[in-house]
Amino acid sequence: VLNKISVAAQNAAVSDKDLIEGLKR
């Protein structure tokens, strides 16, 4: 989960916080 979030954040210029908050909900 951590690795996928980190890669997505780097490639899509999106923050890790937004990704984890979106996943959580």
mmCIF file of all heavy atoms, coordinates in Angstrom:
data_MODEL
# 
_entry.id   MODEL 
# 
loop_
_atom_site.group_PDB 
_atom_site.id 
_atom_site.type_symbol 
_atom_site.label_atom_id 
_atom_site.label_alt_id 
_atom_site.label_comp_id 
_atom_site.label_asym_id 
_atom_site.label_entity_id 
_atom_site.label_seq_id 
_atom_site.pdbx_PDB_ins_code 
_atom_site.Cartn_x 
_atom_site.Cartn_y 
_atom_site.Cartn_z 
_atom_site.occupancy 
_atom_site.B_iso_or_equiv 
_atom_site.pdbx_formal_charge 
_atom_site.auth_seq_id 
_atom_site.auth_comp_id 
_atom_site.auth_asym_id 
_atom_site.auth_atom_id 
_atom_site.pdbx_PDB_model_num 
ATOM 1   N N   . VAL A 1 1  ? 0.840   -1.197 0.000   1.00 0.00 ? 1  VAL A N   1 
ATOM 2   C CA  . VAL A 1 1  ? 0.000   0.000  0.000   1.00 0.00 ? 1  VAL A CA  1 
ATOM 3   C C   . VAL A 1 1  ? 0.875   1.247  0.000   1.00 0.00 ? 1  VAL A C   1 
ATOM 4   O O   . VAL A 1 1  ? 0.660   2.184  -0.783  1.00 0.00 ? 1  VAL A O   1 
ATOM 5   C CB  . VAL A 1 1  ? -0.939  0.010  1.222   1.00 0.00 ? 1  VAL A CB  1 
ATOM 6   C CG1 . VAL A 1 1  ? -1.659  1.361  1.330   1.00 0.00 ? 1  VAL A CG1 1 
ATOM 7   C CG2 . VAL A 1 1  ? -1.965  -1.110 1.128   1.00 0.00 ? 1  VAL A CG2 1 
ATOM 8   N N   . LEU A 1 2  ? 1.879   1.259  0.880   1.00 0.00 ? 2  LEU A N   1 
ATOM 9   C CA  . LEU A 1 2  ? 2.768   2.411  0.991   1.00 0.00 ? 2  LEU A CA  1 
ATOM 10  C C   . LEU A 1 2  ? 3.522   2.656  -0.317  1.00 0.00 ? 2  LEU A C   1 
ATOM 11  O O   . LEU A 1 2  ? 3.606   3.800  -0.790  1.00 0.00 ? 2  LEU A O   1 
ATOM 12  C CB  . LEU A 1 2  ? 3.756   2.191  2.132   1.00 0.00 ? 2  LEU A CB  1 
ATOM 13  C CG  . LEU A 1 2  ? 4.788   3.289  2.376   1.00 0.00 ? 2  LEU A CG  1 
ATOM 14  C CD1 . LEU A 1 2  ? 4.102   4.595  2.753   1.00 0.00 ? 2  LEU A CD1 1 
ATOM 15  C CD2 . LEU A 1 2  ? 5.756   2.870  3.478   1.00 0.00 ? 2  LEU A CD2 1 
ATOM 16  N N   . ASN A 1 3  ? 4.051   1.596  -0.909  1.00 0.00 ? 3  ASN A N   1 
ATOM 17  C CA  . ASN A 1 3  ? 4.816   1.739  -2.154  1.00 0.00 ? 3  ASN A CA  1 
ATOM 18  C C   . ASN A 1 3  ? 3.944   2.231  -3.304  1.00 0.00 ? 3  ASN A C   1 
ATOM 19  O O   . ASN A 1 3  ? 4.360   3.100  -4.084  1.00 0.00 ? 3  ASN A O   1 
ATOM 20  C CB  . ASN A 1 3  ? 5.459   0.401  -2.531  1.00 0.00 ? 3  ASN A CB  1 
ATOM 21  C CG  . ASN A 1 3  ? 6.589   0.010  -1.597  1.00 0.00 ? 3  ASN A CG  1 
ATOM 22  O OD1 . ASN A 1 3  ? 7.177   0.872  -0.949  1.00 0.00 ? 3  ASN A OD1 1 
ATOM 23  N ND2 . ASN A 1 3  ? 6.886   -1.267 -1.513  1.00 0.00 ? 3  ASN A ND2 1 
ATOM 24  N N   . LYS A 1 4  ? 2.739   1.682  -3.409  1.00 0.00 ? 4  LYS A N   1 
ATOM 25  C CA  . LYS A 1 4  ? 1.839   2.093  -4.491  1.00 0.00 ? 4  LYS A CA  1 
ATOM 26  C C   . LYS A 1 4  ? 1.418   3.553  -4.341  1.00 0.00 ? 4  LYS A C   1 
ATOM 27  O O   . LYS A 1 4  ? 1.328   4.296  -5.319  1.00 0.00 ? 4  LYS A O   1 
ATOM 28  C CB  . LYS A 1 4  ? 0.612   1.178  -4.526  1.00 0.00 ? 4  LYS A CB  1 
ATOM 29  C CG  . LYS A 1 4  ? 0.895   -0.243 -5.011  1.00 0.00 ? 4  LYS A CG  1 
ATOM 30  C CD  . LYS A 1 4  ? -0.342  -1.118 -4.885  1.00 0.00 ? 4  LYS A CD  1 
ATOM 31  C CE  . LYS A 1 4  ? -0.050  -2.561 -5.294  1.00 0.00 ? 4  LYS A CE  1 
ATOM 32  N NZ  . LYS A 1 4  ? 0.180   -2.683 -6.744  1.00 0.00 ? 4  LYS A NZ  1 
ATOM 33  N N   . ILE A 1 5  ? 1.149   3.964  -3.099  1.00 0.00 ? 5  ILE A N   1 
ATOM 34  C CA  . ILE A 1 5  ? 0.781   5.355  -2.845  1.00 0.00 ? 5  ILE A CA  1 
ATOM 35  C C   . ILE A 1 5  ? 1.931   6.285  -3.205  1.00 0.00 ? 5  ILE A C   1 
ATOM 36  O O   . ILE A 1 5  ? 1.735   7.331  -3.838  1.00 0.00 ? 5  ILE A O   1 
ATOM 37  C CB  . ILE A 1 5  ? 0.364   5.545  -1.374  1.00 0.00 ? 5  ILE A CB  1 
ATOM 38  C CG1 . ILE A 1 5  ? -1.002  4.901  -1.117  1.00 0.00 ? 5  ILE A CG1 1 
ATOM 39  C CG2 . ILE A 1 5  ? 0.314   7.029  -1.004  1.00 0.00 ? 5  ILE A CG2 1 
ATOM 40  C CD1 . ILE A 1 5  ? -1.418  4.921  0.341   1.00 0.00 ? 5  ILE A CD1 1 
ATOM 41  N N   . SER A 1 6  ? 3.145   5.911  -2.828  1.00 0.00 ? 6  SER A N   1 
ATOM 42  C CA  . SER A 1 6  ? 4.319   6.746  -3.105  1.00 0.00 ? 6  SER A CA  1 
ATOM 43  C C   . SER A 1 6  ? 4.550   6.899  -4.600  1.00 0.00 ? 6  SER A C   1 
ATOM 44  O O   . SER A 1 6  ? 4.821   8.001  -5.092  1.00 0.00 ? 6  SER A O   1 
ATOM 45  C CB  . SER A 1 6  ? 5.558   6.135  -2.439  1.00 0.00 ? 6  SER A CB  1 
ATOM 46  O OG  . SER A 1 6  ? 5.430   6.102  -1.045  1.00 0.00 ? 6  SER A OG  1 
ATOM 47  N N   . VAL A 1 7  ? 4.428   5.801  -5.340  1.00 0.00 ? 7  VAL A N   1 
ATOM 48  C CA  . VAL A 1 7  ? 4.624   5.850  -6.792  1.00 0.00 ? 7  VAL A CA  1 
ATOM 49  C C   . VAL A 1 7  ? 3.544   6.695  -7.456  1.00 0.00 ? 7  VAL A C   1 
ATOM 50  O O   . VAL A 1 7  ? 3.830   7.518  -8.333  1.00 0.00 ? 7  VAL A O   1 
ATOM 51  C CB  . VAL A 1 7  ? 4.631   4.418  -7.376  1.00 0.00 ? 7  VAL A CB  1 
ATOM 52  C CG1 . VAL A 1 7  ? 4.605   4.468  -8.907  1.00 0.00 ? 7  VAL A CG1 1 
ATOM 53  C CG2 . VAL A 1 7  ? 5.860   3.659  -6.903  1.00 0.00 ? 7  VAL A CG2 1 
ATOM 54  N N   . ALA A 1 8  ? 2.291   6.498  -7.035  1.00 0.00 ? 8  ALA A N   1 
ATOM 55  C CA  . ALA A 1 8  ? 1.191   7.277  -7.614  1.00 0.00 ? 8  ALA A CA  1 
ATOM 56  C C   . ALA A 1 8  ? 1.363   8.766  -7.332  1.00 0.00 ? 8  ALA A C   1 
ATOM 57  O O   . ALA A 1 8  ? 1.113   9.607  -8.201  1.00 0.00 ? 8  ALA A O   1 
ATOM 58  C CB  . ALA A 1 8  ? -0.143  6.785  -7.058  1.00 0.00 ? 8  ALA A CB  1 
ATOM 59  N N   . ALA A 1 9  ? 1.793   9.086  -6.113  1.00 0.00 ? 9  ALA A N   1 
ATOM 60  C CA  . ALA A 1 9  ? 1.981   10.489 -5.740  1.00 0.00 ? 9  ALA A CA  1 
ATOM 61  C C   . ALA A 1 9  ? 3.067   11.145 -6.591  1.00 0.00 ? 9  ALA A C   1 
ATOM 62  O O   . ALA A 1 9  ? 2.941   12.305 -7.015  1.00 0.00 ? 9  ALA A O   1 
ATOM 63  C CB  . ALA A 1 9  ? 2.339   10.591 -4.256  1.00 0.00 ? 9  ALA A CB  1 
ATOM 64  N N   . GLN A 1 10 ? 4.131   10.405 -6.860  1.00 0.00 ? 10 GLN A N   1 
ATOM 65  C CA  . GLN A 1 10 ? 5.229   10.958 -7.660  1.00 0.00 ? 10 GLN A CA  1 
ATOM 66  C C   . GLN A 1 10 ? 4.843   11.104 -9.127  1.00 0.00 ? 10 GLN A C   1 
ATOM 67  O O   . GLN A 1 10 ? 5.145   12.112 -9.761  1.00 0.00 ? 10 GLN A O   1 
ATOM 68  C CB  . GLN A 1 10 ? 6.455   10.047 -7.541  1.00 0.00 ? 10 GLN A CB  1 
ATOM 69  C CG  . GLN A 1 10 ? 7.081   10.041 -6.153  1.00 0.00 ? 10 GLN A CG  1 
ATOM 70  C CD  . GLN A 1 10 ? 8.147   8.979  -6.000  1.00 0.00 ? 10 GLN A CD  1 
ATOM 71  O OE1 . GLN A 1 10 ? 8.533   8.333  -6.977  1.00 0.00 ? 10 GLN A OE1 1 
ATOM 72  N NE2 . GLN A 1 10 ? 8.628   8.778  -4.786  1.00 0.00 ? 10 GLN A NE2 1 
ATOM 73  N N   . ASN A 1 11 ? 4.146   10.098 -9.657  1.00 0.00 ? 11 ASN A N   1 
ATOM 74  C CA  . ASN A 1 11 ? 3.833   10.107 -11.087 1.00 0.00 ? 11 ASN A CA  1 
ATOM 75  C C   . ASN A 1 11 ? 2.683   11.029 -11.450 1.00 0.00 ? 11 ASN A C   1 
ATOM 76  O O   . ASN A 1 11 ? 2.630   11.546 -12.569 1.00 0.00 ? 11 ASN A O   1 
ATOM 77  C CB  . ASN A 1 11 ? 3.495   8.683  -11.553 1.00 0.00 ? 11 ASN A CB  1 
ATOM 78  C CG  . ASN A 1 11 ? 4.713   7.773  -11.535 1.00 0.00 ? 11 ASN A CG  1 
ATOM 79  O OD1 . ASN A 1 11 ? 5.842   8.241  -11.523 1.00 0.00 ? 11 ASN A OD1 1 
ATOM 80  N ND2 . ASN A 1 11 ? 4.485   6.472  -11.532 1.00 0.00 ? 11 ASN A ND2 1 
ATOM 81  N N   . ALA A 1 12 ? 1.766   11.230 -10.513 1.00 0.00 ? 12 ALA A N   1 
ATOM 82  C CA  . ALA A 1 12 ? 0.574   12.025 -10.824 1.00 0.00 ? 12 ALA A CA  1 
ATOM 83  C C   . ALA A 1 12 ? 0.593   13.406 -10.181 1.00 0.00 ? 12 ALA A C   1 
ATOM 84  O O   . ALA A 1 12 ? -0.378  14.142 -10.286 1.00 0.00 ? 12 ALA A O   1 
ATOM 85  C CB  . ALA A 1 12 ? -0.675  11.270 -10.383 1.00 0.00 ? 12 ALA A CB  1 
ATOM 86  N N   . ALA A 1 13 ? 1.682   13.743 -9.502  1.00 0.00 ? 13 ALA A N   1 
ATOM 87  C CA  . ALA A 1 13 ? 1.778   15.048 -8.831  1.00 0.00 ? 13 ALA A CA  1 
ATOM 88  C C   . ALA A 1 13 ? 0.615   15.263 -7.868  1.00 0.00 ? 13 ALA A C   1 
ATOM 89  O O   . ALA A 1 13 ? -0.005  16.323 -7.824  1.00 0.00 ? 13 ALA A O   1 
ATOM 90  C CB  . ALA A 1 13 ? 1.832   16.179 -9.852  1.00 0.00 ? 13 ALA A CB  1 
ATOM 91  N N   . VAL A 1 14 ? 0.296   14.214 -7.116  1.00 0.00 ? 14 VAL A N   1 
ATOM 92  C CA  . VAL A 1 14 ? -0.770  14.240 -6.123  1.00 0.00 ? 14 VAL A CA  1 
ATOM 93  C C   . VAL A 1 14 ? -0.147  13.924 -4.776  1.00 0.00 ? 14 VAL A C   1 
ATOM 94  O O   . VAL A 1 14 ? 0.799   13.146 -4.685  1.00 0.00 ? 14 VAL A O   1 
ATOM 95  C CB  . VAL A 1 14 ? -1.860  13.198 -6.460  1.00 0.00 ? 14 VAL A CB  1 
ATOM 96  C CG1 . VAL A 1 14 ? -2.944  13.178 -5.400  1.00 0.00 ? 14 VAL A CG1 1 
ATOM 97  C CG2 . VAL A 1 14 ? -2.467  13.490 -7.822  1.00 0.00 ? 14 VAL A CG2 1 
ATOM 98  N N   . SER A 1 15 ? -0.657  14.518 -3.712  1.00 0.00 ? 15 SER A N   1 
ATOM 99  C CA  . SER A 1 15 ? -0.061  14.299 -2.396  1.00 0.00 ? 15 SER A CA  1 
ATOM 100 C C   . SER A 1 15 ? -0.439  12.929 -1.838  1.00 0.00 ? 15 SER A C   1 
ATOM 101 O O   . SER A 1 15 ? -1.512  12.387 -2.125  1.00 0.00 ? 15 SER A O   1 
ATOM 102 C CB  . SER A 1 15 ? -0.508  15.390 -1.421  1.00 0.00 ? 15 SER A CB  1 
ATOM 103 O OG  . SER A 1 15 ? -1.862  15.217 -1.058  1.00 0.00 ? 15 SER A OG  1 
ATOM 104 N N   . ASP A 1 16 ? 0.473   12.366 -1.030  1.00 0.00 ? 16 ASP A N   1 
ATOM 105 C CA  . ASP A 1 16 ? 0.197   11.095 -0.353  1.00 0.00 ? 16 ASP A CA  1 
ATOM 106 C C   . ASP A 1 16 ? -1.037  11.221 0.544   1.00 0.00 ? 16 ASP A C   1 
ATOM 107 O O   . ASP A 1 16 ? -1.816  10.275 0.680   1.00 0.00 ? 16 ASP A O   1 
ATOM 108 C CB  . ASP A 1 16 ? 1.407   10.687 0.503   1.00 0.00 ? 16 ASP A CB  1 
ATOM 109 C CG  . ASP A 1 16 ? 2.662   10.501 -0.321  1.00 0.00 ? 16 ASP A CG  1 
ATOM 110 O OD1 . ASP A 1 16 ? 3.289   11.509 -0.690  1.00 0.00 ? 16 ASP A OD1 1 
ATOM 111 O OD2 . ASP A 1 16 ? 3.020   9.350  -0.591  1.00 0.00 ? 16 ASP A OD2 1 
ATOM 112 N N   . LYS A 1 17 ? -1.182  12.387 1.146   1.00 0.00 ? 17 LYS A N   1 
ATOM 113 C CA  . LYS A 1 17 ? -2.322  12.617 2.038   1.00 0.00 ? 17 LYS A CA  1 
ATOM 114 C C   . LYS A 1 17 ? -3.644  12.490 1.292   1.00 0.00 ? 17 LYS A C   1 
ATOM 115 O O   . LYS A 1 17 ? -4.576  11.840 1.779   1.00 0.00 ? 17 LYS A O   1 
ATOM 116 C CB  . LYS A 1 17 ? -2.216  14.008 2.666   1.00 0.00 ? 17 LYS A CB  1 
ATOM 117 C CG  . LYS A 1 17 ? -3.377  14.355 3.584   1.00 0.00 ? 17 LYS A CG  1 
ATOM 118 C CD  . LYS A 1 17 ? -3.216  15.742 4.181   1.00 0.00 ? 17 LYS A CD  1 
ATOM 119 C CE  . LYS A 1 17 ? -4.396  16.092 5.076   1.00 0.00 ? 17 LYS A CE  1 
ATOM 120 N NZ  . LYS A 1 17 ? -4.263  17.455 5.653   1.00 0.00 ? 17 LYS A NZ  1 
ATOM 121 N N   . ASP A 1 18 ? -3.742  13.107 0.106   1.00 0.00 ? 18 ASP A N   1 
ATOM 122 C CA  . ASP A 1 18 ? -4.989  13.026 -0.661  1.00 0.00 ? 18 ASP A CA  1 
ATOM 123 C C   . ASP A 1 18 ? -5.291  11.588 -1.068  1.00 0.00 ? 18 ASP A C   1 
ATOM 124 O O   . ASP A 1 18 ? -6.451  11.158 -1.043  1.00 0.00 ? 18 ASP A O   1 
ATOM 125 C CB  . ASP A 1 18 ? -4.898  13.910 -1.910  1.00 0.00 ? 18 ASP A CB  1 
ATOM 126 C CG  . ASP A 1 18 ? -5.070  15.380 -1.590  1.00 0.00 ? 18 ASP A CG  1 
ATOM 127 O OD1 . ASP A 1 18 ? -5.868  15.698 -0.689  1.00 0.00 ? 18 ASP A OD1 1 
ATOM 128 O OD2 . ASP A 1 18 ? -4.400  16.213 -2.221  1.00 0.00 ? 18 ASP A OD2 1 
ATOM 129 N N   . LEU A 1 19 ? -4.258  10.841 -1.427  1.00 0.00 ? 19 LEU A N   1 
ATOM 130 C CA  . LEU A 1 19 ? -4.471  9.464  -1.852  1.00 0.00 ? 19 LEU A CA  1 
ATOM 131 C C   . LEU A 1 19 ? -4.969  8.600  -0.695  1.00 0.00 ? 19 LEU A C   1 
ATOM 132 O O   . LEU A 1 19 ? -5.923  7.833  -0.858  1.00 0.00 ? 19 LEU A O   1 
ATOM 133 C CB  . LEU A 1 19 ? -3.168  8.884  -2.418  1.00 0.00 ? 19 LEU A CB  1 
ATOM 134 C CG  . LEU A 1 19 ? -2.710  9.495  -3.747  1.00 0.00 ? 19 LEU A CG  1 
ATOM 135 C CD1 . LEU A 1 19 ? -1.338  8.949  -4.127  1.00 0.00 ? 19 LEU A CD1 1 
ATOM 136 C CD2 . LEU A 1 19 ? -3.706  9.197  -4.865  1.00 0.00 ? 19 LEU A CD2 1 
ATOM 137 N N   . ILE A 1 20 ? -4.339  8.714  0.461   1.00 0.00 ? 20 ILE A N   1 
ATOM 138 C CA  . ILE A 1 20 ? -4.754  7.873  1.591   1.00 0.00 ? 20 ILE A CA  1 
ATOM 139 C C   . ILE A 1 20 ? -6.127  8.285  2.108   1.00 0.00 ? 20 ILE A C   1 
ATOM 140 O O   . ILE A 1 20 ? -6.935  7.440  2.510   1.00 0.00 ? 20 ILE A O   1 
ATOM 141 C CB  . ILE A 1 20 ? -3.696  7.908  2.727   1.00 0.00 ? 20 ILE A CB  1 
ATOM 142 C CG1 . ILE A 1 20 ? -3.904  6.727  3.690   1.00 0.00 ? 20 ILE A CG1 1 
ATOM 143 C CG2 . ILE A 1 20 ? -3.730  9.210  3.487   1.00 0.00 ? 20 ILE A CG2 1 
ATOM 144 C CD1 . ILE A 1 20 ? -3.656  5.384  3.078   1.00 0.00 ? 20 ILE A CD1 1 
ATOM 145 N N   . GLU A 1 21 ? -6.433  9.581  2.068   1.00 0.00 ? 21 GLU A N   1 
ATOM 146 C CA  . GLU A 1 21 ? -7.763  10.036 2.491   1.00 0.00 ? 21 GLU A CA  1 
ATOM 147 C C   . GLU A 1 21 ? -8.837  9.526  1.532   1.00 0.00 ? 21 GLU A C   1 
ATOM 148 O O   . GLU A 1 21 ? -9.933  9.125  1.947   1.00 0.00 ? 21 GLU A O   1 
ATOM 149 C CB  . GLU A 1 21 ? -7.805  11.562 2.559   1.00 0.00 ? 21 GLU A CB  1 
ATOM 150 C CG  . GLU A 1 21 ? -6.977  12.188 3.679   1.00 0.00 ? 21 GLU A CG  1 
ATOM 151 C CD  . GLU A 1 21 ? -7.602  11.995 5.048   1.00 0.00 ? 21 GLU A CD  1 
ATOM 152 O OE1 . GLU A 1 21 ? -8.686  11.378 5.144   1.00 0.00 ? 21 GLU A OE1 1 
ATOM 153 O OE2 . GLU A 1 21 ? -7.004  12.449 6.033   1.00 0.00 ? 21 GLU A OE2 1 
ATOM 154 N N   . GLY A 1 22 ? -8.530  9.545  0.240   1.00 0.00 ? 22 GLY A N   1 
ATOM 155 C CA  . GLY A 1 22 ? -9.484  9.037  -0.741  1.00 0.00 ? 22 GLY A CA  1 
ATOM 156 C C   . GLY A 1 22 ? -9.701  7.542  -0.596  1.00 0.00 ? 22 GLY A C   1 
ATOM 157 O O   . GLY A 1 22 ? -10.838 7.056  -0.653  1.00 0.00 ? 22 GLY A O   1 
ATOM 158 N N   . LEU A 1 23 ? -8.620  6.800  -0.377  1.00 0.00 ? 23 LEU A N   1 
ATOM 159 C CA  . LEU A 1 23 ? -8.724  5.355  -0.191  1.00 0.00 ? 23 LEU A CA  1 
ATOM 160 C C   . LEU A 1 23 ? -9.533  5.013  1.054   1.00 0.00 ? 23 LEU A C   1 
ATOM 161 O O   . LEU A 1 23 ? -10.354 4.090  1.039   1.00 0.00 ? 23 LEU A O   1 
ATOM 162 C CB  . LEU A 1 23 ? -7.322  4.745  -0.071  1.00 0.00 ? 23 LEU A CB  1 
ATOM 163 C CG  . LEU A 1 23 ? -6.485  4.647  -1.345  1.00 0.00 ? 23 LEU A CG  1 
ATOM 164 C CD1 . LEU A 1 23 ? -5.052  4.278  -1.004  1.00 0.00 ? 23 LEU A CD1 1 
ATOM 165 C CD2 . LEU A 1 23 ? -7.085  3.624  -2.299  1.00 0.00 ? 23 LEU A CD2 1 
ATOM 166 N N   . LYS A 1 24 ? -9.277  5.760  2.116   1.00 0.00 ? 24 LYS A N   1 
ATOM 167 C CA  . LYS A 1 24 ? -9.946  5.472  3.380   1.00 0.00 ? 24 LYS A CA  1 
ATOM 168 C C   . LYS A 1 24 ? -11.456 5.611  3.259   1.00 0.00 ? 24 LYS A C   1 
ATOM 169 O O   . LYS A 1 24 ? -12.210 4.835  3.851   1.00 0.00 ? 24 LYS A O   1 
ATOM 170 C CB  . LYS A 1 24 ? -9.399  6.418  4.464   1.00 0.00 ? 24 LYS A CB  1 
ATOM 171 C CG  . LYS A 1 24 ? -9.986  6.181  5.834   1.00 0.00 ? 24 LYS A CG  1 
ATOM 172 C CD  . LYS A 1 24 ? -9.196  6.929  6.910   1.00 0.00 ? 24 LYS A CD  1 
ATOM 173 C CE  . LYS A 1 24 ? -9.316  8.420  6.782   1.00 0.00 ? 24 LYS A CE  1 
ATOM 174 N NZ  . LYS A 1 24 ? -8.675  9.123  7.903   1.00 0.00 ? 24 LYS A NZ  1 
ATOM 175 N N   . ARG A 1 25 ? -11.919 6.582  2.483   1.00 0.00 ? 25 ARG A N   1 
ATOM 176 C CA  . ARG A 1 25 ? -13.343 6.858  2.406   1.00 0.00 ? 25 ARG A CA  1 
ATOM 177 C C   . ARG A 1 25 ? -14.071 6.038  1.341   1.00 0.00 ? 25 ARG A C   1 
ATOM 178 O O   . ARG A 1 25 ? -15.277 5.839  1.442   1.00 0.00 ? 25 ARG A O   1 
ATOM 179 C CB  . ARG A 1 25 ? -13.562 8.356  2.155   1.00 0.00 ? 25 ARG A CB  1 
ATOM 180 C CG  . ARG A 1 25 ? -13.309 9.190  3.391   1.00 0.00 ? 25 ARG A CG  1 
ATOM 181 C CD  . ARG A 1 25 ? -13.154 10.666 3.067   1.00 0.00 ? 25 ARG A CD  1 
ATOM 182 N NE  . ARG A 1 25 ? -13.087 11.463 4.287   1.00 0.00 ? 25 ARG A NE  1 
ATOM 183 C CZ  . ARG A 1 25 ? -12.006 11.555 5.050   1.00 0.00 ? 25 ARG A CZ  1 
ATOM 184 N NH1 . ARG A 1 25 ? -10.899 10.894 4.709   1.00 0.00 ? 25 ARG A NH1 1 
ATOM 185 N NH2 . ARG A 1 25 ? -12.002 12.305 6.149   1.00 0.00 ? 25 ARG A NH2 1 
# 
